[in-house]
Amino acid sequence: MFNKEYKSAVLISIGLHFIILILMLGGSWFSDTEKKPQHKMVEAVVIDPKVIEQQAKSIREKRDAAKKADQQRVDKLRRQSERKEQNRKKEEDRQRKLKEQKVEADKAAREKERQQQLAQEKKKADAKKALIAKEEAAKAESVRLAKAKAAEEAKAVEMAKVAAEAKIMADAKAKADAKSAAEAKQKADAKAKADAKVKADAKAAEEARLAKEKKAQDTALNDVFSGLEAENEQISVARQKYITSELVRYGAIYTQMIQEKLLTEDAFKGKSCKINIRLIQAGKGAIVSKVSPIDGDARLCSAAKRAVAQVGTFPLPTEQDVADQLKNINLTVEPK
C-alpha cells in the first residue's frame, strides 16, 4: 500500500492534468473557427518509369524511417515502463519493511508489558507468601511443599499460555506474508500477460500493415506499367491505399498510447468506448484540442478522455495529406 505522501503526489498530478485538459478544451471552445483539412486536387500528368522508380524508392525509405522511429518510440515506452516497475517494487519493499518493523515493535512492547505484569504478580505472590508464612509458622512442611507445587503449576500454565500466544502471532504473520506474496505474483503475472498481448497485437498489426502496404504498392506499380492510359488513375489509387494504411497504422499507434495511460478497472473488461480526437499540429507532432465521446460505456469514456490528456503529444507522419486526415480521427478504446 502507498503511504500518504505518495497518495498526495498522485492526487496533485491528476489534478494538474485535469486543469490542463480544461484549459485545452476551453481554448478550443473559444476559437472563432475550426481548422478544416484542405483537400488538393491531383492534376493528371504523364509519369515515366524512372519517376515511378524514384517514387517507389522514396516510399520505401519513408516506410523504413517510420518503422525505425516507431521502434525507437516503443523502446522508449518500454524503458519508461521498466523504470516505473522498478520504482513500484522499491516502494513495495519499503512498505513491507515498515510493516515488519512495526510488527516487531508491537511484539516487543507486548512482551515488555507481559514481563512487567508477571513481575507485579510475582511480587504480590511473594508478599502474600511471606504474610502467610509469618501468620502460619506452625503449619507442617507438607503444606509448604503443596504451595510450592501449586506455584510451579501456575507458572507452567502461564508459560504455556505465552507459548500459545507466540505461536498464534507467528502463524498470523506467516499467513499475511504468504497472502502478500501471492497477491504480488498474481499482479506480476497479470501485467506480464497484458504486456505480452500488447506486444503481440502491435506486432500482428505491423505485419498486417506491411503486407497490405506491399501488396498495394506492387499492385499500383504493376498497374502503372500495364498501360500509360490508366497510369494516373492507378497512381491515385495506390496513393489512396497508402494513405489508408497509414491512417490505420497511426490509429493503432494512437490507441496503444492511450491504452497505456488508461487506468483500467475490472468493470471495464468487455466494454468499449468510441471517441473523436481533434489534433493541432505542433512541430513534428500534434497536441489535443478536443476529445468527444461518440458511443460506449460512460465511465470508460471518461477514463479514456483522461488518458488522452496524459499522452500529451501524438506523432504525425511527414506526408501532409496523411497528417491532415489524422487531425480529426475516431478511435475505439477496448481495455484488455
Protein backbone atom coordinates (compact mmCIF):
# COMPACT_ATOMS: atom_id res chain seq x y z
CA MET A 1 0.00 0.00 0.00
CA PHE A 2 1.16 3.52 -0.77
CA ASN A 3 1.93 5.98 2.02
CA LYS A 4 0.10 9.30 2.44
CA GLU A 5 2.85 11.34 0.74
CA TYR A 6 2.74 9.14 -2.36
CA LYS A 7 -1.07 9.33 -2.49
CA SER A 8 -0.90 13.12 -2.22
CA ALA A 9 1.60 13.30 -5.08
CA VAL A 10 -0.67 11.16 -7.26
CA LEU A 11 -3.73 13.29 -6.47
CA ILE A 12 -1.79 16.50 -7.24
CA SER A 13 -0.58 15.04 -10.55
CA ILE A 14 -4.13 14.02 -11.54
CA GLY A 15 -5.42 17.49 -10.60
CA LEU A 16 -2.79 19.24 -12.71
CA HIS A 17 -3.59 17.04 -15.71
CA PHE A 18 -7.30 17.77 -15.27
CA ILE A 19 -6.66 21.56 -15.16
CA ILE A 20 -4.50 21.35 -18.31
CA LEU A 21 -7.26 19.36 -20.08
CA ILE A 22 -9.87 22.03 -19.10
CA LEU A 23 -7.60 24.82 -20.39
CA MET A 24 -7.04 22.99 -23.68
CA LEU A 25 -10.77 22.28 -24.10
CA GLY A 26 -11.55 25.89 -23.23
CA GLY A 27 -9.16 27.10 -25.91
CA SER A 28 -10.99 25.02 -28.48
CA TRP A 29 -14.43 26.32 -27.32
CA PHE A 30 -13.47 30.00 -27.63
CA SER A 31 -11.78 29.69 -31.01
CA ASP A 32 -13.58 31.54 -33.82
CA THR A 33 -13.28 28.83 -36.40
CA GLU A 34 -12.03 25.29 -36.58
CA LYS A 35 -9.28 24.38 -38.95
CA LYS A 36 -10.51 22.10 -41.63
CA PRO A 37 -8.20 19.94 -43.72
CA GLN A 38 -7.86 21.24 -47.23
CA HIS A 39 -8.03 18.70 -49.99
CA LYS A 40 -5.92 19.44 -53.03
CA MET A 41 -6.94 18.25 -56.47
CA VAL A 42 -4.46 15.91 -58.09
CA GLU A 43 -3.71 17.01 -61.63
CA ALA A 44 -3.19 14.35 -64.25
CA VAL A 45 0.40 14.14 -65.53
CA VAL A 46 2.36 11.70 -67.62
CA ILE A 47 4.98 9.91 -65.49
CA ASP A 48 7.86 7.98 -66.96
CA PRO A 49 9.20 4.75 -65.40
CA LYS A 50 12.21 6.50 -63.82
CA VAL A 51 9.95 8.81 -61.89
CA ILE A 52 7.90 5.84 -60.73
CA GLU A 53 11.05 4.05 -59.61
CA GLN A 54 12.20 7.14 -57.69
CA GLN A 55 8.80 7.43 -56.04
CA ALA A 56 8.85 3.77 -55.07
CA LYS A 57 12.33 4.22 -53.60
CA SER A 58 11.18 7.29 -51.70
CA ILE A 59 8.18 5.38 -50.34
CA ARG A 60 10.42 2.56 -49.15
CA GLU A 61 12.83 4.99 -47.49
CA LYS A 62 9.96 6.79 -45.74
CA ARG A 63 8.49 3.48 -44.64
CA ASP A 64 11.87 2.34 -43.22
CA ALA A 65 12.33 5.67 -41.45
CA ALA A 66 8.83 5.48 -39.98
CA LYS A 67 9.44 1.90 -38.86
CA LYS A 68 12.70 2.92 -37.18
CA ALA A 69 11.03 5.86 -35.46
CA ASP A 70 8.20 3.59 -34.26
CA GLN A 71 10.72 1.10 -32.87
CA GLN A 72 12.58 3.88 -31.06
CA ARG A 73 9.32 5.12 -29.62
CA VAL A 74 8.33 1.63 -28.47
CA ASP A 75 11.79 1.16 -26.90
CA LYS A 76 11.42 4.46 -25.06
CA LEU A 77 8.00 3.47 -23.75
CA ARG A 78 9.36 0.10 -22.66
CA ARG A 79 12.23 1.77 -20.75
CA GLN A 80 9.80 4.12 -19.06
CA SER A 81 7.60 1.15 -18.09
CA GLU A 82 10.61 -0.70 -16.65
CA ARG A 83 11.62 2.36 -14.59
CA LYS A 84 8.09 2.68 -13.23
CA GLU A 85 8.03 -1.02 -12.34
CA GLN A 86 11.37 -0.70 -10.51
CA ASN A 87 10.09 2.29 -8.54
CA ARG A 88 6.90 0.40 -7.67
CA LYS A 89 8.89 -2.59 -6.41
CA LYS A 90 11.13 -0.34 -4.32
CA GLU A 91 8.06 1.27 -2.76
CA GLU A 92 6.54 -2.14 -2.03
CA ASP A 93 9.80 -3.29 -0.38
CA ARG A 94 9.89 -0.13 1.73
CA GLN A 95 6.28 -0.55 2.84
CA ARG A 96 6.89 -4.22 3.66
CA LYS A 97 9.95 -3.37 5.79
CA LEU A 98 7.96 -0.69 7.64
CA LYS A 99 5.21 -3.23 8.38
CA GLU A 100 7.76 -5.77 9.62
CA GLN A 101 9.40 -3.15 11.86
CA LYS A 102 6.00 -2.19 13.29
CA VAL A 103 5.12 -5.83 13.97
CA GLU A 104 8.45 -6.37 15.76
CA ALA A 105 7.99 -3.17 17.81
CA ASP A 106 4.45 -4.18 18.82
CA LYS A 107 5.69 -7.63 19.76
CA ALA A 108 8.49 -6.18 21.92
CA ALA A 109 6.04 -3.80 23.62
CA ARG A 110 3.65 -6.65 24.40
CA GLU A 111 6.50 -8.78 25.74
CA LYS A 112 7.71 -5.94 27.97
CA GLU A 113 4.20 -5.37 29.31
CA ARG A 114 3.80 -9.09 29.97
CA GLN A 115 7.10 -9.23 31.86
CA GLN A 116 6.09 -6.25 33.96
CA GLN A 117 2.74 -7.88 34.75
CA LEU A 118 4.48 -11.13 35.68
CA ALA A 119 6.86 -9.20 37.94
CA GLN A 120 3.98 -7.45 39.67
CA GLU A 121 2.09 -10.70 40.10
CA LYS A 122 5.21 -12.38 41.45
CA LYS A 123 5.79 -9.51 43.86
CA LYS A 124 2.23 -9.78 45.15
CA ALA A 125 2.51 -13.55 45.40
CA ASP A 126 5.78 -13.30 47.30
CA ALA A 127 4.28 -10.76 49.70
CA LYS A 128 1.29 -12.98 50.24
CA LYS A 129 3.52 -15.98 50.80
CA ALA A 130 5.60 -14.08 53.35
CA LEU A 131 2.47 -12.97 55.23
CA ILE A 132 1.06 -16.48 55.22
CA ALA A 133 4.40 -17.88 56.37
CA LYS A 134 4.54 -15.36 59.23
CA GLU A 135 0.96 -15.98 60.34
CA GLU A 136 1.04 -19.77 59.89
CA ALA A 137 4.52 -20.61 61.10
CA ALA A 138 3.13 -23.63 62.82
CA LYS A 139 1.90 -25.35 59.70
CA ALA A 140 3.64 -28.52 58.61
CA GLU A 141 6.33 -28.78 55.92
CA SER A 142 3.85 -30.68 53.75
CA VAL A 143 1.67 -27.57 53.43
CA ARG A 144 4.70 -25.54 52.25
CA LEU A 145 5.58 -28.18 49.67
CA ALA A 146 1.97 -28.20 48.42
CA LYS A 147 2.04 -24.43 47.97
CA ALA A 148 5.37 -24.60 46.12
CA LYS A 149 3.96 -27.26 43.78
CA ALA A 150 0.88 -25.11 43.11
CA ALA A 151 3.12 -22.14 42.28
CA GLU A 152 5.16 -24.23 39.84
CA GLU A 153 1.99 -25.48 38.14
CA ALA A 154 0.70 -21.91 37.82
CA LYS A 155 4.00 -20.85 36.30
CA ALA A 156 3.88 -23.76 33.85
CA VAL A 157 0.36 -22.77 32.81
CA GLU A 158 1.48 -19.16 32.29
CA MET A 159 4.45 -20.26 30.19
CA ALA A 160 2.18 -22.47 28.09
CA LYS A 161 -0.15 -19.51 27.59
CA VAL A 162 2.76 -17.32 26.47
CA ALA A 163 3.97 -20.02 24.07
CA ALA A 164 0.47 -20.37 22.61
CA GLU A 165 0.21 -16.61 22.06
CA ALA A 166 3.62 -16.55 20.37
CA LYS A 167 2.56 -19.39 18.07
CA ILE A 168 -0.67 -17.58 17.13
CA MET A 169 1.31 -14.43 16.27
CA ALA A 170 3.83 -16.40 14.21
CA ASP A 171 1.05 -18.20 12.30
CA ALA A 172 -0.73 -14.90 11.59
CA LYS A 173 2.48 -13.32 10.30
CA ALA A 174 3.24 -16.33 8.08
CA LYS A 175 -0.30 -16.24 6.67
CA ALA A 176 -0.04 -12.49 5.95
CA ASP A 177 3.35 -12.93 4.26
CA ALA A 178 2.01 -15.77 2.10
CA LYS A 179 -1.01 -13.69 1.09
CA SER A 180 1.19 -10.70 0.17
CA ALA A 181 3.48 -12.92 -1.90
CA ALA A 182 0.52 -14.49 -3.71
CA GLU A 183 -1.00 -11.08 -4.49
CA ALA A 184 2.33 -9.77 -5.77
CA LYS A 185 2.76 -12.83 -8.01
CA GLN A 186 -0.80 -12.51 -9.33
CA LYS A 187 -0.23 -8.84 -10.22
CA ALA A 188 3.10 -9.64 -11.88
CA ASP A 189 1.57 -12.49 -13.90
CA ALA A 190 -1.35 -10.30 -14.99
CA LYS A 191 0.99 -7.49 -16.07
CA ALA A 192 3.27 -9.88 -17.95
CA LYS A 193 0.27 -11.37 -19.74
CA ALA A 194 -1.08 -7.92 -20.65
CA ASP A 195 2.34 -6.73 -21.88
CA ALA A 196 2.76 -9.87 -23.98
CA LYS A 197 -0.68 -9.40 -25.56
CA VAL A 198 0.02 -5.71 -26.32
CA LYS A 199 3.32 -6.62 -27.98
CA ALA A 200 1.69 -9.47 -29.92
CA ASP A 201 -1.16 -7.23 -31.09
CA ALA A 202 1.28 -4.49 -32.12
CA LYS A 203 3.45 -6.99 -34.00
CA ALA A 204 0.44 -8.53 -35.77
CA ALA A 205 -0.87 -5.08 -36.72
CA GLU A 206 2.55 -4.06 -38.05
CA GLU A 207 2.93 -7.29 -40.08
CA ALA A 208 -0.56 -6.90 -41.50
CA ARG A 209 0.11 -3.28 -42.37
CA LEU A 210 3.41 -4.10 -44.09
CA ALA A 211 1.81 -6.92 -46.06
CA LYS A 212 -1.10 -4.73 -47.09
CA GLU A 213 1.21 -1.85 -47.96
CA LYS A 214 3.48 -4.10 -50.07
CA LYS A 215 0.50 -5.60 -51.85
CA ALA A 216 -0.91 -2.13 -52.56
CA GLN A 217 2.44 -0.84 -53.81
CA ASP A 218 3.02 -3.91 -56.01
CA THR A 219 -0.47 -3.59 -57.44
CA ALA A 220 0.00 0.12 -58.08
CA LEU A 221 3.37 -0.38 -59.81
CA ASN A 222 2.09 -3.27 -61.94
CA ASP A 223 -0.92 -1.22 -62.97
CA VAL A 224 1.30 1.74 -63.88
CA PHE A 225 3.47 -0.35 -66.18
CA SER A 226 0.50 -2.18 -67.73
CA GLY A 227 -0.62 0.85 -69.67
CA LEU A 228 0.13 4.55 -69.85
CA GLU A 229 -3.53 5.44 -70.43
CA ALA A 230 -4.56 4.39 -66.87
CA GLU A 231 -1.35 5.30 -65.02
CA ASN A 232 -2.71 8.48 -63.43
CA GLU A 233 -5.72 6.70 -62.01
CA GLN A 234 -3.58 3.79 -60.81
CA ILE A 235 -1.13 6.09 -59.05
CA SER A 236 -4.05 7.84 -57.38
CA VAL A 237 -5.49 4.52 -56.19
CA ALA A 238 -2.10 3.39 -54.89
CA ARG A 239 -1.63 6.67 -53.07
CA GLN A 240 -5.07 6.41 -51.50
CA LYS A 241 -4.34 2.86 -50.36
CA TYR A 242 -1.07 4.03 -48.87
CA ILE A 243 -2.87 6.89 -47.09
CA THR A 244 -5.49 4.46 -45.78
CA SER A 245 -2.83 2.07 -44.49
CA GLU A 246 -1.01 4.97 -42.82
CA LEU A 247 -4.25 6.12 -41.19
CA VAL A 248 -4.85 2.60 -39.87
CA ARG A 249 -1.27 2.32 -38.62
CA TYR A 250 -1.27 5.67 -36.84
CA GLY A 251 -4.72 4.92 -35.45
CA ALA A 252 -3.29 1.73 -33.91
CA ILE A 253 -0.34 3.72 -32.51
CA TYR A 254 -2.65 6.34 -31.00
CA THR A 255 -4.90 3.66 -29.50
CA GLN A 256 -1.91 1.89 -27.96
CA MET A 257 -0.56 5.15 -26.48
CA ILE A 258 -3.98 5.93 -24.95
CA GLN A 259 -4.47 2.43 -23.50
CA GLU A 260 -1.00 2.55 -21.91
CA LYS A 261 -2.12 5.66 -19.99
CA LEU A 262 -5.56 4.20 -19.21
CA LEU A 263 -6.16 3.30 -15.55
CA THR A 264 -8.07 0.07 -16.12
CA GLU A 265 -10.60 -1.47 -13.74
CA ASP A 266 -12.25 -4.89 -13.68
CA ALA A 267 -15.54 -3.17 -14.50
CA PHE A 268 -14.09 -2.04 -17.87
CA LYS A 269 -13.47 -5.58 -19.16
CA GLY A 270 -15.65 -6.44 -22.14
CA LYS A 271 -16.64 -2.79 -22.65
CA SER A 272 -15.56 -0.25 -25.26
CA CYS A 273 -15.72 3.47 -25.98
CA LYS A 274 -15.56 5.25 -29.34
CA ILE A 275 -14.09 8.76 -29.14
CA ASN A 276 -13.28 11.56 -31.59
CA ILE A 277 -9.95 13.36 -31.20
CA ARG A 278 -9.16 16.76 -32.74
CA LEU A 279 -5.41 17.43 -33.08
CA ILE A 280 -3.44 20.62 -33.69
CA GLN A 281 -0.06 20.26 -35.36
CA ALA A 282 2.83 21.43 -33.19
CA GLY A 283 6.23 20.92 -34.78
CA LYS A 284 6.74 17.29 -35.80
CA GLY A 285 3.88 16.09 -33.56
CA ALA A 286 0.38 17.18 -32.59
CA ILE A 287 -1.40 18.19 -29.39
CA VAL A 288 -5.03 17.54 -28.46
CA SER A 289 -7.50 20.38 -28.91
CA LYS A 290 -10.72 18.47 -28.20
CA VAL A 291 -11.85 14.97 -27.15
CA SER A 292 -15.51 13.99 -27.71
CA PRO A 293 -17.11 10.64 -26.72
CA ILE A 294 -19.18 9.18 -29.58
CA ASP A 295 -20.53 5.91 -28.21
CA GLY A 296 -19.82 3.37 -25.47
CA ASP A 297 -19.59 2.97 -21.69
CA ALA A 298 -19.75 6.36 -19.94
CA ARG A 299 -17.18 5.58 -17.22
CA LEU A 300 -14.77 4.09 -19.74
CA CYS A 301 -15.20 7.17 -21.99
CA SER A 302 -14.32 9.45 -19.06
CA ALA A 303 -11.22 7.36 -18.28
CA ALA A 304 -10.27 7.43 -21.99
CA LYS A 305 -10.51 11.25 -22.06
CA ARG A 306 -8.16 11.47 -19.06
CA ALA A 307 -5.75 9.03 -20.73
CA VAL A 308 -5.72 11.16 -23.93
CA ALA A 309 -4.82 14.23 -21.86
CA GLN A 310 -1.95 12.32 -20.23
CA VAL A 311 -0.50 11.30 -23.60
CA GLY A 312 0.12 14.96 -24.43
CA THR A 313 1.78 14.79 -27.85
CA PHE A 314 0.83 12.43 -30.69
CA PRO A 315 3.21 11.66 -33.58
CA LEU A 316 2.39 12.82 -37.12
CA PRO A 317 3.69 11.49 -40.46
CA THR A 318 5.78 13.71 -42.72
CA GLU A 319 3.21 13.47 -45.54
CA GLN A 320 0.98 16.47 -45.07
CA ASP A 321 -2.10 14.92 -46.71
CA VAL A 322 -1.93 11.99 -44.28
CA ALA A 323 -1.26 14.31 -41.33
CA ASP A 324 -4.28 16.47 -42.25
CA GLN A 325 -6.62 13.47 -42.11
CA LEU A 326 -5.20 12.42 -38.72
CA LYS A 327 -6.16 15.79 -37.21
CA ASN A 328 -9.77 14.60 -36.92
CA ILE A 329 -9.81 10.88 -36.10
CA ASN A 330 -12.17 8.40 -34.44
CA LEU A 331 -10.67 5.72 -32.18
CA THR A 332 -12.13 2.79 -30.22
CA VAL A 333 -10.71 2.05 -26.73
CA GLU A 334 -11.19 -1.54 -25.52
CA PRO A 335 -9.32 -2.45 -22.26
CA LYS A 336 -7.82 -5.93 -22.41
